[in-house]
C-alpha atoms as a PDB file:
ATOM      1  CA  MET A   1      80.837 170.196 -87.739  1.00  0.00           C
ATOM      2  CA  GLN A   2      80.993 173.308 -89.900  1.00  0.00           C
ATOM      3  CA  THR A   3      84.359 174.863 -90.724  1.00  0.00           C
ATOM      4  CA  ILE A   4      84.797 178.594 -91.024  1.00  0.00           C
ATOM      5  CA  ASP A   5      87.353 180.183 -93.299  1.00  0.00           C
ATOM      6  CA  ILE A   6      89.085 182.699 -91.048  1.00  0.00           C
ATOM      7  CA  ALA A   7      90.441 184.657 -94.029  1.00  0.00           C
ATOM      8  CA  SER A   8      86.900 185.450 -95.124  1.00  0.00           C
ATOM      9  CA  LEU A   9      86.108 187.014 -91.748  1.00  0.00           C
ATOM     10  CA  SER A  10      88.733 189.743 -91.908  1.00  0.00           C
ATOM     11  CA  PRO A  11      87.623 192.736 -93.947  1.00  0.00           C
ATOM     12  CA  SER A  12      89.601 193.280 -97.116  1.00  0.00           C
ATOM     13  CA  PRO A  13      90.647 196.817 -97.979  1.00  0.00           C
ATOM     14  CA  PRO A  14      88.373 198.534-100.483  1.00  0.00           C
ATOM     15  CA  LYS A  15      89.512 198.282-104.077  1.00  0.00           C
ATOM     16  CA  VAL A  16      90.734 201.650-105.310  1.00  0.00           C
ATOM     17  CA  GLU A  17      90.309 202.496-108.980  1.00  0.00           C
ATOM     18  CA  PRO A  18      93.336 204.279-110.437  1.00  0.00           C
ATOM     19  CA  PHE A  19      92.882 207.884-111.542  1.00  0.00           C
ATOM     20  CA  ALA A  20      95.546 207.589-114.257  1.00  0.00           C
ATOM     21  CA  VAL A  21      97.518 204.767-115.874  1.00  0.00           C
ATOM     22  CA  SER A  22     100.629 204.369-117.993  1.00  0.00           C
ATOM     23  CA  PRO A  23     100.268 204.040-121.781  1.00  0.00           C
ATOM     24  CA  THR A  24     101.125 200.343-121.460  1.00  0.00           C
ATOM     25  CA  GLU A  25      98.378 199.823-118.865  1.00  0.00           C
ATOM     26  CA  ALA A  26      95.948 201.905-120.958  1.00  0.00           C
ATOM     27  CA  ALA A  27      96.634 199.613-123.916  1.00  0.00           C
ATOM     28  CA  ARG A  28      96.002 196.544-121.750  1.00  0.00           C
ATOM     29  CA  LEU A  29      92.764 197.977-120.326  1.00  0.00           C
ATOM     30  CA  ALA A  30      91.494 198.936-123.785  1.00  0.00           C
ATOM     31  CA  GLY A  31      92.562 195.694-125.437  1.00  0.00           C
ATOM     32  CA  LEU A  32      94.709 197.613-127.916  1.00  0.00           C
ATOM     33  CA  GLY A  33      98.366 197.713-128.809  1.00  0.00           C
ATOM     34  CA  ARG A  34     100.773 200.233-127.325  1.00  0.00           C
ATOM     35  CA  THR A  35     101.440 201.554-130.829  1.00  0.00           C
ATOM     36  CA  THR A  36      97.767 202.500-131.183  1.00  0.00           C
ATOM     37  CA  ILE A  37      97.800 204.307-127.825  1.00  0.00           C
ATOM     38  CA  TYR A  38     101.011 206.189-128.683  1.00  0.00           C
ATOM     39  CA  ALA A  39      99.607 207.143-132.117  1.00  0.00           C
ATOM     40  CA  ALA A  40      96.491 208.578-130.444  1.00  0.00           C
ATOM     41  CA  LEU A  41      98.684 210.457-127.967  1.00  0.00           C
ATOM     42  CA  GLY A  42     100.867 211.793-130.780  1.00  0.00           C
ATOM     43  CA  SER A  43      97.910 213.033-132.810  1.00  0.00           C
ATOM     44  CA  GLY A  44      96.332 214.693-129.772  1.00  0.00           C
ATOM     45  CA  ALA A  45      93.218 212.531-130.009  1.00  0.00           C
ATOM     46  CA  LEU A  46      93.986 210.983-126.615  1.00  0.00           C
ATOM     47  CA  LYS A  47      94.899 213.469-123.887  1.00  0.00           C
ATOM     48  CA  SER A  48      97.593 212.675-121.356  1.00  0.00           C
ATOM     49  CA  LEU A  49      99.352 214.081-118.320  1.00  0.00           C
ATOM     50  CA  LYS A  50     103.079 214.532-117.929  1.00  0.00           C
ATOM     51  CA  ILE A  51     104.460 214.618-114.420  1.00  0.00           C
ATOM     52  CA  GLY A  52     108.221 214.814-114.432  1.00  0.00           C
ATOM     53  CA  LYS A  53     109.315 212.257-117.006  1.00  0.00           C
ATOM     54  CA  ARG A  54     106.243 210.114-116.475  1.00  0.00           C
ATOM     55  CA  ARG A  55     103.438 210.086-119.055  1.00  0.00           C
ATOM     56  CA  LEU A  56     100.030 209.111-117.677  1.00  0.00           C
ATOM     57  CA  ILE A  57      96.588 208.811-119.195  1.00  0.00           C
ATOM     58  CA  ALA A  58      93.576 209.695-117.063  1.00  0.00           C
ATOM     59  CA  VAL A  59      91.171 206.760-117.030  1.00  0.00           C
ATOM     60  CA  ASP A  60      88.317 209.171-117.857  1.00  0.00           C
ATOM     61  CA  ALA A  61      90.249 210.435-120.912  1.00  0.00           C
ATOM     62  CA  LEU A  62      90.823 206.846-122.057  1.00  0.00           C
ATOM     63  CA  ARG A  63      87.132 206.035-121.592  1.00  0.00           C
ATOM     64  CA  SER A  64      86.063 209.168-123.538  1.00  0.00           C
ATOM     65  CA  TRP A  65      88.508 208.429-126.346  1.00  0.00           C
ATOM     66  CA  LEU A  66      87.244 204.860-126.636  1.00  0.00           C
ATOM     67  CA  LEU A  67      83.610 205.994-126.678  1.00  0.00           C
ATOM     68  CA  SER A  68      84.392 208.504-129.428  1.00  0.00           C
ATOM     69  CA  HIS A  69      85.077 205.498-131.663  1.00  0.00           C
ATOM     70  CA  GLU A  70      81.713 203.904-130.971  1.00  0.00           C
ATOM     71  CA  VAL A  71      79.780 202.894-134.069  1.00  0.00           C
ATOM     72  CA  ALA A  72      76.032 202.628-134.449  1.00  0.00           C
ATOM     73  CA  PRO A  73      74.604 199.086-134.531  1.00  0.00           C
END
């Protein structure tokens, strides 16, 4: 007799990609230290958003900043 996992039958909600992340989360996503992220923010190399007291980094800005450091093979 075959068993069916009932949990696999219910649809899971679609995974939503964040539009912006905290500097700590940006560092984790990029595999870098927070100090590096804050240095890039301070120099203006990495753009960020400020909403109230909260500082956020758009995921697209993080991706662009990372790609600007790409080196040729």
